[in-house]
Amino acid sequence: MSPNNRVVPQPSGASYSGSERGPLALPPKINLESFNAFIHEIIAIVGNDNVDVITSHDQIDDKSYEDPTHTHDPHHILDQDYFLASAVVAPRNVPDVQAIVRAANKISLPLWPISIGRNSGYGGAGPRVRGSIVLNMGKNMSKVLEVNVEGAYCLLEPGVTFQSLHEYLVEHNLRDKLWVDVPDLGGGSVLGNTLDRGVGYTPYGDHWMMHCGMEIVLPNGELMRTGMGALPDPKRPETMGLAPEDQPWNKTAHLFPYGFGPYVDGLFSQSNLGIVTKMGMWLMPDPGGYQSYLITIPKDEDLKQAVDIIRPLRLSMVLQNVPTIRHILMDAACMGPKTDYTSKTGPLTDAELDEIAKKLNLGRWNFYGALYLTKSKGPEPIRNAMWAVIKEAFSAIPGAKFFFPEDVPGKTVLHIRDKTLQGIPTFDELKWVSWLPNGAHLFFSPIARVVGDDAMEQYTITKKRCQEAGLDFIGTFTVGLREMHHIVCIVFDKKSPEQKKKAHWLIKTLIDDCAAKGWGEYRTHLAVMDQIMGTFSWNKNSFLKFNEVIKNAVDPNGIIAPGKSGVWPKQYNKEEWKL
């Protein structure tokens, strides 16, 4: 089997009618006749308006974050159509998903489920296997099914975004009771981000930790609920006779995540073992008091001292939220493109970075955090005490400065973070992708200890490699309770073949550099999933082997997202598909 199977494109028309033409990319080992029969079967299930076959290059449009493409990766480092769907199908409900899965099983046709398609920097909506059918789960399945104030949780479908959930709370006068934890951009799916183990920045920033109870269509089309959701709700006359997907959840399904017996939720995170149709998420009770802040850290080498200051404060929960230490160019790029600061095209020097920091009244590193206080404990005295501890600790760094949003005129990154850290979605951080013309990006995301020496070494290695690729280092350390996500933003001009090659070289080189130091990535782009899985190789790749056994047992026809996270079903020769 070859990953580069291609079909000569046929003339396109207004709608797909079958045998006179085929998609630009057929699924592997599927001929045109079988594909057409499958598509007509799916149209009979979901309706013609919910099926889009990709027959013309005119349909391959990178679009924008606000209007995402569902056909491919808009931030392409390989050919634009390398990770290309044969068709995009939008199920309307759970029975549609089940019917599509059962139909795909008949001919071993690969499906690539997405929630919204905004997995920006990690491959977007593009499928790992060219010619897969992308299942757009969020187009029609986008309801907030429940918000429970007493238990501080919600139940969501895949198409609910951070923005739409926040708006739901506002519209239903619940914002003064419950907050949503949000990532940097508010347009992503809550369910999709959580399954990919994304992060936000309030005390509820570990999204996977905050999920509780899932409903999943398994590869055989069967429906399963996890945790306490596997325990049926007591029968009542008004619920008897309902289909499984419509039956009420057990009253503790979104309160206690583990249930009884093996805890299987993790098998459906960053995996290809099922399609999640509903998810419970914990919401943060309104703390009753909130204060965001910025601490500017003047020198590049101050990163070491700052991280060592942060560690005990984070472990003791004096730093309550998921704070970030952002490189100066991360903030500068949010405020304007590179041309606003320099006419230079190559990587900026230390002196030039210092000049930008001075212009923006920022440090070489900038620490954003917040204080959260409960109504029952008296906000003002506790806030002042905690702030005094934080300020005293960071004052050990010569030249550190301290700011609240009200201290800073105009609209700055601090004002953006002020919203993000209290669960108000924003879209302002889209701007850093435009640091270069025709801006696109990859995320390189290794994990590090919250130790100053580790942070400096990881930063030094990644910055050096960025400069070798002719690119600026743009990055941030996102601080969990006991580790840091080091998010390196590889920004490149996607219309420049040379820069695309350099970006691809850079991320592949960084993966090997960091693996040699014992650092692994928590999440990655389609193009390097196999490489990263290959670094998790302890004891002759026992981790990968275990995942392959589960994959082949649960999905014997290999239809759900083959190649996701480097896990291939037996129908695919993984050596041929490696990139």
Protein backbone atom coordinates (compact mmCIF):
# COMPACT_ATOMS: atom_id res chain seq x y z
CA MET A 1 0.00 0.00 0.00
CA SER A 2 1.37 3.44 -0.86
CA PRO A 3 0.54 6.68 1.00
CA ASN A 4 0.79 8.64 -2.24
CA ASN A 5 -2.07 7.05 -4.17
CA ARG A 6 -3.63 9.71 -6.37
CA VAL A 7 -6.57 9.94 -8.73
CA VAL A 8 -6.49 12.11 -11.84
CA PRO A 9 -9.02 14.87 -11.05
CA GLN A 10 -12.19 14.92 -13.11
CA PRO A 11 -14.14 18.06 -14.08
CA SER A 12 -16.07 19.44 -11.11
CA GLY A 13 -19.74 20.33 -10.97
CA ALA A 14 -22.28 21.81 -8.58
CA SER A 15 -22.83 18.57 -6.67
CA TYR A 16 -21.49 15.05 -6.55
CA SER A 17 -23.52 12.70 -8.69
CA GLY A 18 -21.35 9.63 -8.85
CA SER A 19 -19.54 7.71 -11.51
CA GLU A 20 -18.60 10.45 -13.98
CA ARG A 21 -15.82 11.69 -11.71
CA GLY A 22 -14.08 10.85 -8.47
CA PRO A 23 -12.49 12.67 -5.57
CA LEU A 24 -9.01 14.15 -5.87
CA ALA A 25 -7.85 11.54 -3.36
CA LEU A 26 -9.41 8.12 -3.11
CA PRO A 27 -9.08 6.23 0.19
CA PRO A 28 -6.38 3.52 0.12
CA LYS A 29 -7.48 0.24 -1.54
CA ILE A 30 -10.90 1.71 -2.37
CA ASN A 31 -11.81 1.89 -6.05
CA LEU A 32 -14.05 4.56 -7.52
CA GLU A 33 -17.06 2.27 -7.82
CA SER A 34 -16.92 1.31 -4.14
CA PHE A 35 -16.34 4.91 -3.10
CA ASN A 36 -19.33 6.15 -5.08
CA ALA A 37 -21.54 3.43 -3.64
CA PHE A 38 -20.42 4.40 -0.14
CA ILE A 39 -21.09 8.10 -0.73
CA HIS A 40 -24.58 7.41 -2.02
CA GLU A 41 -25.27 5.26 1.02
CA ILE A 42 -24.09 8.10 3.27
CA ILE A 43 -26.17 10.69 1.40
CA ALA A 44 -29.21 8.52 2.06
CA ILE A 45 -28.35 8.67 5.78
CA VAL A 46 -27.36 12.33 6.36
CA GLY A 47 -28.74 14.14 3.29
CA ASN A 48 -26.93 15.72 0.36
CA ASP A 49 -26.34 18.99 2.24
CA ASN A 50 -24.14 17.17 4.73
CA VAL A 51 -21.83 15.50 2.18
CA ASP A 52 -19.12 17.34 0.29
CA VAL A 53 -16.90 15.29 -2.04
CA ILE A 54 -13.59 16.99 -2.88
CA THR A 55 -13.47 16.77 -6.67
CA SER A 56 -11.71 20.03 -7.54
CA HIS A 57 -8.69 21.96 -6.35
CA ASP A 58 -11.04 24.93 -6.11
CA GLN A 59 -12.41 23.26 -2.97
CA ILE A 60 -8.98 23.22 -1.33
CA ASP A 61 -8.99 26.65 0.28
CA ASP A 62 -6.94 27.42 3.39
CA LYS A 63 -9.66 29.85 4.52
CA SER A 64 -9.18 31.32 8.03
CA TYR A 65 -9.49 30.52 11.70
CA GLU A 66 -12.91 32.17 11.74
CA ASP A 67 -14.05 30.08 8.76
CA PRO A 68 -11.98 26.91 9.03
CA THR A 69 -11.41 24.47 6.21
CA HIS A 70 -12.45 20.86 6.76
CA THR A 71 -10.58 19.34 3.83
CA HIS A 72 -6.88 19.64 4.75
CA ASP A 73 -4.30 21.29 6.99
CA PRO A 74 -4.39 25.05 6.31
CA HIS A 75 -0.90 25.47 7.82
CA HIS A 76 0.67 23.01 5.41
CA ILE A 77 4.39 22.25 5.59
CA LEU A 78 4.09 19.60 2.86
CA ASP A 79 2.05 19.98 -0.33
CA GLN A 80 -1.27 21.70 0.35
CA ASP A 81 -3.16 18.55 -0.68
CA TYR A 82 -0.92 16.01 1.08
CA PHE A 83 -3.24 15.54 4.07
CA LEU A 84 -6.41 15.74 1.99
CA ALA A 85 -9.87 14.31 2.60
CA SER A 86 -11.79 12.54 -0.15
CA ALA A 87 -15.02 13.91 1.30
CA VAL A 88 -16.38 15.75 4.31
CA VAL A 89 -19.47 14.26 5.97
CA ALA A 90 -21.43 15.95 8.76
CA PRO A 91 -23.58 13.57 10.83
CA ARG A 92 -26.70 15.12 12.32
CA ASN A 93 -26.94 12.95 15.42
CA VAL A 94 -25.61 9.84 17.14
CA PRO A 95 -27.56 7.34 14.96
CA ASP A 96 -25.99 8.97 11.89
CA VAL A 97 -22.52 8.43 13.35
CA GLN A 98 -23.33 4.81 14.08
CA ALA A 99 -24.67 4.24 10.57
CA ILE A 100 -21.61 5.85 8.96
CA VAL A 101 -19.26 3.72 11.06
CA ARG A 102 -21.11 0.52 10.14
CA ALA A 103 -21.04 1.43 6.45
CA ALA A 104 -17.30 2.18 6.61
CA ASN A 105 -16.66 -1.22 8.18
CA LYS A 106 -18.08 -3.00 5.13
CA ILE A 107 -15.24 -1.78 2.90
CA SER A 108 -12.58 -0.79 5.52
CA LEU A 109 -12.87 2.88 4.56
CA PRO A 110 -10.90 5.24 6.85
CA LEU A 111 -12.78 7.93 8.80
CA TRP A 112 -11.11 10.96 10.39
CA PRO A 113 -13.37 12.52 13.05
CA ILE A 114 -12.97 16.21 13.86
CA SER A 115 -14.96 18.47 16.15
CA ILE A 116 -14.59 21.93 14.59
CA GLY A 117 -11.42 21.73 12.47
CA ARG A 118 -9.49 24.36 14.42
CA ASN A 119 -6.68 22.15 15.69
CA SER A 120 -4.41 24.98 14.65
CA GLY A 121 -0.70 24.22 14.50
CA TYR A 122 -1.29 20.49 14.87
CA GLY A 123 -2.79 19.66 11.47
CA GLY A 124 -6.19 21.36 11.52
CA ALA A 125 -8.90 19.11 10.06
CA GLY A 126 -6.52 17.27 7.75
CA PRO A 127 -6.54 13.46 7.92
CA ARG A 128 -3.30 11.55 8.48
CA VAL A 129 -4.25 9.14 5.65
CA ARG A 130 -4.85 10.93 2.37
CA GLY A 131 -8.31 10.13 1.01
CA SER A 132 -9.93 9.50 4.39
CA ILE A 133 -13.44 10.80 4.90
CA VAL A 134 -13.44 13.63 7.41
CA LEU A 135 -16.38 13.43 9.82
CA ASN A 136 -17.32 16.99 10.73
CA MET A 137 -18.90 16.26 14.09
CA GLY A 138 -19.46 19.89 15.01
CA LYS A 139 -21.53 21.18 12.10
CA ASN A 140 -24.84 19.77 13.34
CA MET A 141 -24.01 18.35 16.77
CA SER A 142 -23.34 21.61 18.60
CA LYS A 143 -25.71 21.75 21.55
CA VAL A 144 -25.05 22.58 25.19
CA LEU A 145 -27.16 19.74 26.56
CA GLU A 146 -26.99 20.68 30.22
CA VAL A 147 -25.45 23.15 32.64
CA ASN A 148 -25.75 22.10 36.27
CA VAL A 149 -25.05 24.93 38.69
CA GLU A 150 -25.19 22.81 41.84
CA GLY A 151 -22.60 20.35 40.53
CA ALA A 152 -20.70 22.98 38.49
CA TYR A 153 -20.59 20.94 35.28
CA CYS A 154 -21.93 20.91 31.74
CA LEU A 155 -22.70 18.28 29.12
CA LEU A 156 -21.65 19.14 25.57
CA GLU A 157 -21.72 17.94 21.96
CA PRO A 158 -18.58 18.20 19.77
CA GLY A 159 -19.52 21.48 18.08
CA VAL A 160 -19.73 23.54 21.28
CA THR A 161 -16.86 26.04 21.26
CA PHE A 162 -15.36 27.86 24.22
CA GLN A 163 -16.95 31.01 22.84
CA SER A 164 -20.41 29.48 22.45
CA LEU A 165 -20.30 27.91 25.92
CA HIS A 166 -19.32 31.26 27.43
CA GLU A 167 -22.15 32.94 25.52
CA TYR A 168 -24.56 30.29 26.79
CA LEU A 169 -23.60 31.10 30.38
CA VAL A 170 -24.01 34.83 29.75
CA GLU A 171 -27.37 34.44 27.97
CA HIS A 172 -28.74 32.24 30.76
CA ASN A 173 -27.50 34.58 33.52
CA LEU A 174 -25.03 31.99 34.79
CA ARG A 175 -21.77 33.85 34.26
CA ASP A 176 -21.85 35.12 37.87
CA LYS A 177 -22.04 31.50 39.02
CA LEU A 178 -19.83 29.51 36.64
CA TRP A 179 -16.76 30.20 34.48
CA VAL A 180 -15.40 28.36 31.45
CA ASP A 181 -11.68 27.69 31.34
CA VAL A 182 -10.47 28.85 27.93
CA PRO A 183 -7.27 28.38 25.87
CA ASP A 184 -5.58 31.22 24.00
CA LEU A 185 -8.23 31.22 21.25
CA GLY A 186 -11.94 30.87 21.95
CA GLY A 187 -13.07 29.28 18.70
CA GLY A 188 -12.01 25.71 19.33
CA SER A 189 -14.24 22.83 20.37
CA VAL A 190 -14.32 22.22 24.13
CA LEU A 191 -14.65 18.49 23.51
CA GLY A 192 -12.00 18.39 20.79
CA ASN A 193 -9.47 20.42 22.76
CA THR A 194 -10.03 18.25 25.82
CA LEU A 195 -9.54 15.01 23.86
CA ASP A 196 -6.23 16.39 22.58
CA ARG A 197 -5.32 17.30 26.18
CA GLY A 198 -5.23 21.03 25.53
CA VAL A 199 -4.78 23.57 28.30
CA GLY A 200 -6.28 26.79 29.58
CA TYR A 201 -5.16 29.25 32.22
CA THR A 202 -7.54 29.36 35.19
CA PRO A 203 -7.19 26.91 38.11
CA TYR A 204 -9.19 24.54 35.85
CA GLY A 205 -6.55 24.76 33.11
CA ASP A 206 -5.88 21.03 32.72
CA HIS A 207 -8.86 20.30 30.48
CA TRP A 208 -8.48 16.53 30.44
CA MET A 209 -8.43 16.51 34.24
CA MET A 210 -11.71 18.44 34.20
CA HIS A 211 -13.66 16.12 31.90
CA CYS A 212 -16.09 13.69 33.53
CA GLY A 213 -18.05 11.09 31.60
CA MET A 214 -18.07 10.48 27.85
CA GLU A 215 -20.41 8.93 25.31
CA ILE A 216 -18.58 7.17 22.48
CA VAL A 217 -19.46 5.43 19.24
CA LEU A 218 -17.11 2.45 19.11
CA PRO A 219 -15.57 1.18 15.84
CA ASN A 220 -18.30 -1.47 15.52
CA GLY A 221 -21.03 1.18 15.81
CA GLU A 222 -21.97 0.32 19.38
CA LEU A 223 -22.61 3.17 21.84
CA MET A 224 -20.83 3.30 25.21
CA ARG A 225 -20.87 5.66 28.17
CA THR A 226 -17.89 5.75 30.52
CA GLY A 227 -17.40 6.10 34.27
CA MET A 228 -20.63 6.44 36.27
CA GLY A 229 -22.38 6.98 32.94
CA ALA A 230 -22.24 3.22 32.44
CA LEU A 231 -24.73 2.88 35.33
CA PRO A 232 -28.27 3.33 33.98
CA ASP A 233 -30.41 6.11 35.39
CA PRO A 234 -33.39 4.67 37.32
CA LYS A 235 -36.29 3.93 34.99
CA ARG A 236 -39.13 6.41 34.92
CA PRO A 237 -42.29 6.39 32.78
CA GLU A 238 -41.21 9.48 30.86
CA THR A 239 -37.85 8.00 29.87
CA MET A 240 -38.86 4.43 29.07
CA GLY A 241 -38.58 3.57 25.41
CA LEU A 242 -35.99 6.24 24.62
CA ALA A 243 -33.10 5.31 22.38
CA PRO A 244 -29.80 4.84 24.28
CA GLU A 245 -28.35 8.16 23.10
CA ASP A 246 -31.44 10.01 24.37
CA GLN A 247 -31.65 8.34 27.74
CA PRO A 248 -30.85 10.48 30.81
CA TRP A 249 -27.39 10.12 32.29
CA ASN A 250 -26.86 8.74 35.75
CA LYS A 251 -27.02 11.60 38.24
CA THR A 252 -23.38 11.05 39.27
CA ALA A 253 -22.02 10.59 35.72
CA HIS A 254 -20.47 14.07 35.63
CA LEU A 255 -19.46 14.20 39.29
CA PHE A 256 -17.20 11.14 39.69
CA PRO A 257 -15.09 10.29 36.63
CA TYR A 258 -13.85 6.79 37.41
CA GLY A 259 -16.89 4.59 37.90
CA PHE A 260 -16.14 0.91 38.55
CA GLY A 261 -13.58 -1.41 37.02
CA PRO A 262 -10.97 -0.39 34.41
CA TYR A 263 -10.87 3.36 33.77
CA VAL A 264 -11.03 3.52 29.98
CA ASP A 265 -11.46 7.24 29.29
CA GLY A 266 -7.79 7.72 28.52
CA LEU A 267 -8.03 5.24 25.65
CA PHE A 268 -10.09 7.81 23.76
CA SER A 269 -7.70 10.74 24.25
CA GLN A 270 -5.36 11.48 21.31
CA SER A 271 -6.44 8.07 20.02
CA ASN A 272 -8.24 6.27 17.22
CA LEU A 273 -10.46 3.90 19.15
CA GLY A 274 -13.83 5.62 18.90
CA ILE A 275 -15.81 8.78 18.15
CA VAL A 276 -16.84 10.84 21.17
CA THR A 277 -20.36 12.25 20.80
CA LYS A 278 -20.91 13.79 24.26
CA MET A 279 -18.66 14.85 27.12
CA GLY A 280 -19.18 16.15 30.63
CA MET A 281 -16.91 19.03 31.72
CA TRP A 282 -16.41 20.61 35.10
CA LEU A 283 -16.90 24.37 35.24
CA MET A 284 -15.18 26.69 37.68
CA PRO A 285 -17.44 28.29 40.30
CA ASP A 286 -17.17 32.07 40.21
CA PRO A 287 -14.48 32.74 42.83
CA GLY A 288 -15.96 36.10 43.79
CA GLY A 289 -12.66 37.90 43.45
CA TYR A 290 -10.11 38.12 40.64
CA GLN A 291 -6.96 40.05 39.84
CA SER A 292 -4.68 39.45 36.87
CA TYR A 293 -1.11 40.69 36.81
CA LEU A 294 2.07 40.90 34.75
CA ILE A 295 5.63 40.57 35.99
CA THR A 296 8.27 41.65 33.48
CA ILE A 297 11.62 39.84 33.70
CA PRO A 298 14.35 41.94 32.08
CA LYS A 299 17.12 39.57 30.95
CA ASP A 300 17.17 36.45 28.78
CA GLU A 301 19.16 34.53 31.38
CA ASP A 302 16.69 35.50 34.12
CA LEU A 303 14.50 32.64 32.91
CA LYS A 304 16.43 30.22 35.15
CA GLN A 305 15.84 32.21 38.32
CA ALA A 306 12.21 32.91 37.44
CA VAL A 307 11.39 29.21 36.96
CA ASP A 308 13.04 28.29 40.25
CA ILE A 309 10.96 30.98 41.98
CA ILE A 310 7.79 29.70 40.35
CA ARG A 311 8.17 26.04 41.34
CA PRO A 312 7.51 26.28 45.13
CA LEU A 313 4.81 28.90 44.61
CA ARG A 314 2.99 26.65 42.14
CA LEU A 315 3.33 23.50 44.24
CA SER A 316 1.95 25.29 47.30
CA MET A 317 -0.89 26.77 45.19
CA VAL A 318 0.11 30.35 45.94
CA LEU A 319 0.14 30.53 42.15
CA GLN A 320 -3.42 29.29 41.75
CA ASN A 321 -3.86 29.26 38.00
CA VAL A 322 -1.89 27.91 35.02
CA PRO A 323 0.51 30.83 34.51
CA THR A 324 2.72 31.48 31.50
CA ILE A 325 6.26 32.78 30.97
CA ARG A 326 6.18 34.32 27.51
CA HIS A 327 9.17 35.27 25.35
CA ILE A 328 9.23 38.90 24.25
CA LEU A 329 8.49 37.99 20.61
CA MET A 330 5.34 36.14 21.65
CA ASP A 331 3.95 39.40 22.96
CA ALA A 332 5.49 41.57 20.24
CA ALA A 333 3.91 39.41 17.52
CA CYS A 334 0.50 39.82 19.17
CA MET A 335 0.89 43.57 18.83
CA GLY A 336 2.06 43.65 15.23
CA PRO A 337 3.98 41.90 12.42
CA LYS A 338 7.76 41.78 12.25
CA THR A 339 7.79 44.67 9.79
CA ASP A 340 6.47 46.93 12.57
CA TYR A 341 9.76 46.48 14.40
CA THR A 342 12.43 45.92 11.76
CA SER A 343 13.15 45.67 8.05
CA LYS A 344 15.36 42.66 8.76
CA THR A 345 14.19 39.26 7.45
CA GLY A 346 16.55 36.99 9.41
CA PRO A 347 16.43 36.10 13.12
CA LEU A 348 16.64 39.07 15.48
CA THR A 349 19.70 39.61 17.65
CA ASP A 350 19.73 40.04 21.43
CA ALA A 351 20.22 43.77 21.02
CA GLU A 352 17.21 43.97 18.68
CA LEU A 353 15.09 41.94 21.11
CA ASP A 354 16.09 44.28 23.93
CA GLU A 355 15.03 47.23 21.80
CA ILE A 356 11.61 45.69 21.15
CA ALA A 357 11.19 44.97 24.86
CA LYS A 358 12.03 48.58 25.67
CA LYS A 359 9.59 49.87 23.04
CA LEU A 360 6.74 47.76 24.47
CA ASN A 361 7.71 48.32 28.12
CA LEU A 362 8.13 44.58 28.58
CA GLY A 363 10.88 42.19 29.65
CA ARG A 364 12.71 39.56 27.66
CA TRP A 365 10.36 37.22 29.54
CA ASN A 366 6.90 38.17 30.76
CA PHE A 367 5.00 36.28 33.44
CA TYR A 368 1.19 36.40 33.41
CA GLY A 369 -0.82 35.11 36.34
CA ALA A 370 -3.93 35.79 38.39
CA LEU A 371 -5.33 35.64 41.91
CA TYR A 372 -8.66 33.92 42.54
CA LEU A 373 -10.57 34.23 45.80
CA THR A 374 -13.72 32.65 47.14
CA LYS A 375 -16.63 34.76 48.32
CA SER A 376 -16.73 32.96 51.66
CA LYS A 377 -13.15 33.86 52.62
CA GLY A 378 -13.13 37.61 52.25
CA PRO A 379 -11.47 38.57 48.98
CA GLU A 380 -9.46 41.68 49.75
CA PRO A 381 -7.26 40.60 52.72
CA ILE A 382 -6.42 37.22 51.16
CA ARG A 383 -5.69 38.75 47.78
CA ASN A 384 -3.33 41.28 49.33
CA ALA A 385 -1.52 38.61 51.34
CA MET A 386 -1.04 36.31 48.37
CA TRP A 387 0.10 39.15 46.15
CA ALA A 388 2.63 40.20 48.78
CA VAL A 389 4.13 36.68 48.76
CA ILE A 390 4.33 36.62 44.95
CA LYS A 391 5.77 40.11 44.69
CA GLU A 392 8.41 39.46 47.35
CA ALA A 393 9.50 36.23 45.63
CA PHE A 394 9.84 37.78 42.15
CA SER A 395 11.54 40.90 43.54
CA ALA A 396 14.64 38.73 43.95
CA ILE A 397 15.10 39.15 40.17
CA PRO A 398 16.92 42.48 39.64
CA GLY A 399 14.83 44.83 37.53
CA ALA A 400 11.57 42.84 37.72
CA LYS A 401 8.50 45.07 37.42
CA PHE A 402 4.90 44.48 38.43
CA PHE A 403 1.72 45.59 36.69
CA PHE A 404 -2.06 45.28 36.98
CA PRO A 405 -4.17 45.91 33.86
CA GLU A 406 -5.30 49.27 35.17
CA ASP A 407 -1.64 50.36 35.36
CA VAL A 408 -1.07 49.91 31.62
CA PRO A 409 -2.61 52.29 29.07
CA GLY A 410 -4.11 51.14 25.77
CA LYS A 411 -4.77 47.58 24.68
CA THR A 412 -1.85 45.30 25.44
CA VAL A 413 -1.25 41.60 25.89
CA LEU A 414 -1.93 42.08 29.61
CA HIS A 415 -5.47 43.24 28.77
CA ILE A 416 -5.93 40.19 26.53
CA ARG A 417 -4.64 37.84 29.24
CA ASP A 418 -6.86 39.58 31.78
CA LYS A 419 -9.86 38.20 29.88
CA THR A 420 -8.36 34.78 29.18
CA LEU A 421 -7.40 34.17 32.80
CA GLN A 422 -10.98 34.78 33.93
CA GLY A 423 -12.49 32.50 31.30
CA ILE A 424 -13.58 35.10 28.75
CA PRO A 425 -12.70 33.83 25.25
CA THR A 426 -10.72 36.08 22.91
CA PHE A 427 -9.31 35.84 19.40
CA ASP A 428 -6.56 38.45 19.70
CA GLU A 429 -3.70 35.96 19.85
CA LEU A 430 -4.39 35.00 16.25
CA LYS A 431 -2.22 37.98 15.37
CA TRP A 432 1.11 36.39 16.22
CA VAL A 433 0.69 33.98 13.27
CA SER A 434 1.02 37.07 11.05
CA TRP A 435 4.54 37.77 12.35
CA LEU A 436 5.64 36.85 8.81
CA PRO A 437 3.83 37.38 5.49
CA ASN A 438 1.45 34.53 4.59
CA GLY A 439 1.90 33.38 8.17
CA ALA A 440 1.38 29.75 9.12
CA HIS A 441 2.61 27.84 12.12
CA LEU A 442 3.53 24.57 13.76
CA PHE A 443 3.63 23.93 17.49
CA PHE A 444 6.55 22.05 18.99
CA SER A 445 5.45 21.15 22.51
CA PRO A 446 7.95 19.33 24.76
CA ILE A 447 7.40 18.79 28.47
CA ALA A 448 9.96 20.07 30.99
CA ARG A 449 10.47 19.96 34.73
CA VAL A 450 9.74 23.20 36.58
CA VAL A 451 13.47 23.60 37.12
CA GLY A 452 15.48 26.61 36.02
CA ASP A 453 18.37 24.66 34.52
CA ASP A 454 15.99 22.51 32.45
CA ALA A 455 14.09 25.55 31.19
CA MET A 456 17.28 27.33 30.14
CA GLU A 457 18.70 24.25 28.43
CA GLN A 458 15.48 23.57 26.55
CA TYR A 459 15.17 27.23 25.55
CA THR A 460 18.81 27.39 24.42
CA ILE A 461 18.49 24.28 22.24
CA THR A 462 15.21 25.34 20.61
CA LYS A 463 16.35 28.94 20.04
CA LYS A 464 19.60 27.79 18.44
CA ARG A 465 17.76 25.46 16.05
CA CYS A 466 15.25 28.18 15.15
CA GLN A 467 18.11 30.48 14.23
CA GLU A 468 19.75 27.74 12.13
CA ALA A 469 16.46 27.51 10.22
CA GLY A 470 16.49 31.27 9.68
CA LEU A 471 13.45 31.76 11.92
CA ASP A 472 12.83 33.74 15.10
CA PHE A 473 12.24 31.92 18.35
CA ILE A 474 8.69 32.57 19.55
CA GLY A 475 7.59 30.59 22.57
CA THR A 476 6.07 30.30 26.01
CA PHE A 477 6.33 28.07 29.07
CA THR A 478 2.91 27.07 30.41
CA VAL A 479 3.29 26.01 34.03
CA GLY A 480 1.29 23.07 35.38
CA LEU A 481 1.44 21.82 38.94
CA ARG A 482 4.65 19.83 38.48
CA GLU A 483 5.73 20.32 34.87
CA MET A 484 5.83 22.88 32.09
CA HIS A 485 4.52 22.69 28.55
CA HIS A 486 7.16 24.49 26.48
CA ILE A 487 5.21 25.71 23.44
CA VAL A 488 7.54 26.71 20.60
CA CYS A 489 5.61 28.55 17.87
CA ILE A 490 7.30 27.85 14.53
CA VAL A 491 5.99 30.66 12.31
CA PHE A 492 6.75 30.43 8.59
CA ASP A 493 5.62 31.80 5.22
CA LYS A 494 3.46 29.03 3.76
CA LYS A 495 3.85 30.44 0.25
CA SER A 496 7.61 29.97 0.47
CA PRO A 497 8.66 26.38 -0.38
CA GLU A 498 12.02 27.10 1.22
CA GLN A 499 10.52 28.21 4.52
CA LYS A 500 8.16 25.23 4.58
CA LYS A 501 11.12 22.88 4.19
CA LYS A 502 12.98 24.70 6.95
CA ALA A 503 9.99 24.53 9.29
CA HIS A 504 9.65 20.80 8.65
CA TRP A 505 13.38 20.28 9.18
CA LEU A 506 13.22 22.33 12.36
CA ILE A 507 10.45 20.38 14.08
CA LYS A 508 11.94 17.02 13.09
CA THR A 509 15.36 18.08 14.35
CA LEU A 510 13.95 19.43 17.62
CA ILE A 511 12.12 16.16 18.26
CA ASP A 512 15.41 14.26 18.04
CA ASP A 513 17.34 16.89 20.02
CA CYS A 514 14.85 16.81 22.86
CA ALA A 515 14.45 13.02 22.89
CA ALA A 516 18.22 12.76 23.33
CA LYS A 517 17.80 14.86 26.49
CA GLY A 518 14.85 12.83 27.75
CA TRP A 519 12.20 15.38 26.77
CA GLY A 520 9.07 14.26 24.93
CA GLU A 521 6.18 16.12 23.36
CA TYR A 522 2.64 16.07 24.72
CA ARG A 523 0.90 16.75 21.39
CA THR A 524 1.98 17.21 17.79
CA HIS A 525 1.33 17.82 14.12
CA LEU A 526 0.20 15.14 11.67
CA ALA A 527 3.54 15.14 9.85
CA VAL A 528 5.59 14.05 12.86
CA MET A 529 3.25 11.76 14.82
CA ASP A 530 5.21 8.65 13.82
CA GLN A 531 8.52 10.22 14.75
CA ILE A 532 7.33 11.25 18.20
CA MET A 533 5.70 7.89 18.92
CA GLY A 534 9.07 6.40 17.94
CA THR A 535 10.77 8.36 20.73
CA PHE A 536 8.47 6.78 23.35
CA SER A 537 10.44 3.58 22.83
CA TRP A 538 11.25 2.28 26.31
CA ASN A 539 11.62 -1.52 26.51
CA LYS A 540 11.51 -2.18 22.77
CA ASN A 541 8.51 0.05 22.07
CA SER A 542 6.22 -1.78 24.51
CA PHE A 543 3.95 1.28 24.75
CA LEU A 544 3.32 1.38 20.99
CA LYS A 545 2.91 -2.40 20.82
CA PHE A 546 0.26 -2.31 23.53
CA ASN A 547 -1.64 0.42 21.68
CA GLU A 548 -1.47 -1.55 18.43
CA VAL A 549 -2.92 -4.63 20.13
CA ILE A 550 -5.82 -2.59 21.47
CA LYS A 551 -6.35 -0.89 18.11
CA ASN A 552 -6.53 -4.16 16.19
CA ALA A 553 -8.82 -5.74 18.77
CA VAL A 554 -11.28 -2.85 19.06
CA ASP A 555 -11.13 -1.69 15.42
CA PRO A 556 -10.38 -4.86 13.40
CA ASN A 557 -11.10 -3.16 10.08
CA GLY A 558 -8.87 -0.19 10.90
CA ILE A 559 -11.46 2.47 10.03
CA ILE A 560 -11.09 5.07 12.81
CA ALA A 561 -8.28 7.60 12.19
CA PRO A 562 -5.50 5.24 11.07
CA GLY A 563 -2.10 6.66 11.97
CA LYS A 564 -3.42 9.00 14.66
CA SER A 565 -0.62 9.49 17.23
CA GLY A 566 1.51 7.01 15.32
CA VAL A 567 -0.80 4.05 15.98
CA TRP A 568 -1.50 2.12 12.78
CA PRO A 569 -3.93 -0.77 12.31
CA LYS A 570 -2.73 -4.03 10.81
CA GLN A 571 -4.14 -3.14 7.35
CA TYR A 572 -1.44 -0.46 6.94
CA ASN A 573 2.28 -1.03 6.52
CA LYS A 574 3.42 1.60 8.99
CA GLU A 575 6.95 1.64 7.58
CA GLU A 576 5.56 2.79 4.22
CA TRP A 577 3.43 5.48 5.84
CA LYS A 578 6.10 7.00 8.06
CA LEU A 579 7.09 10.56 7.18
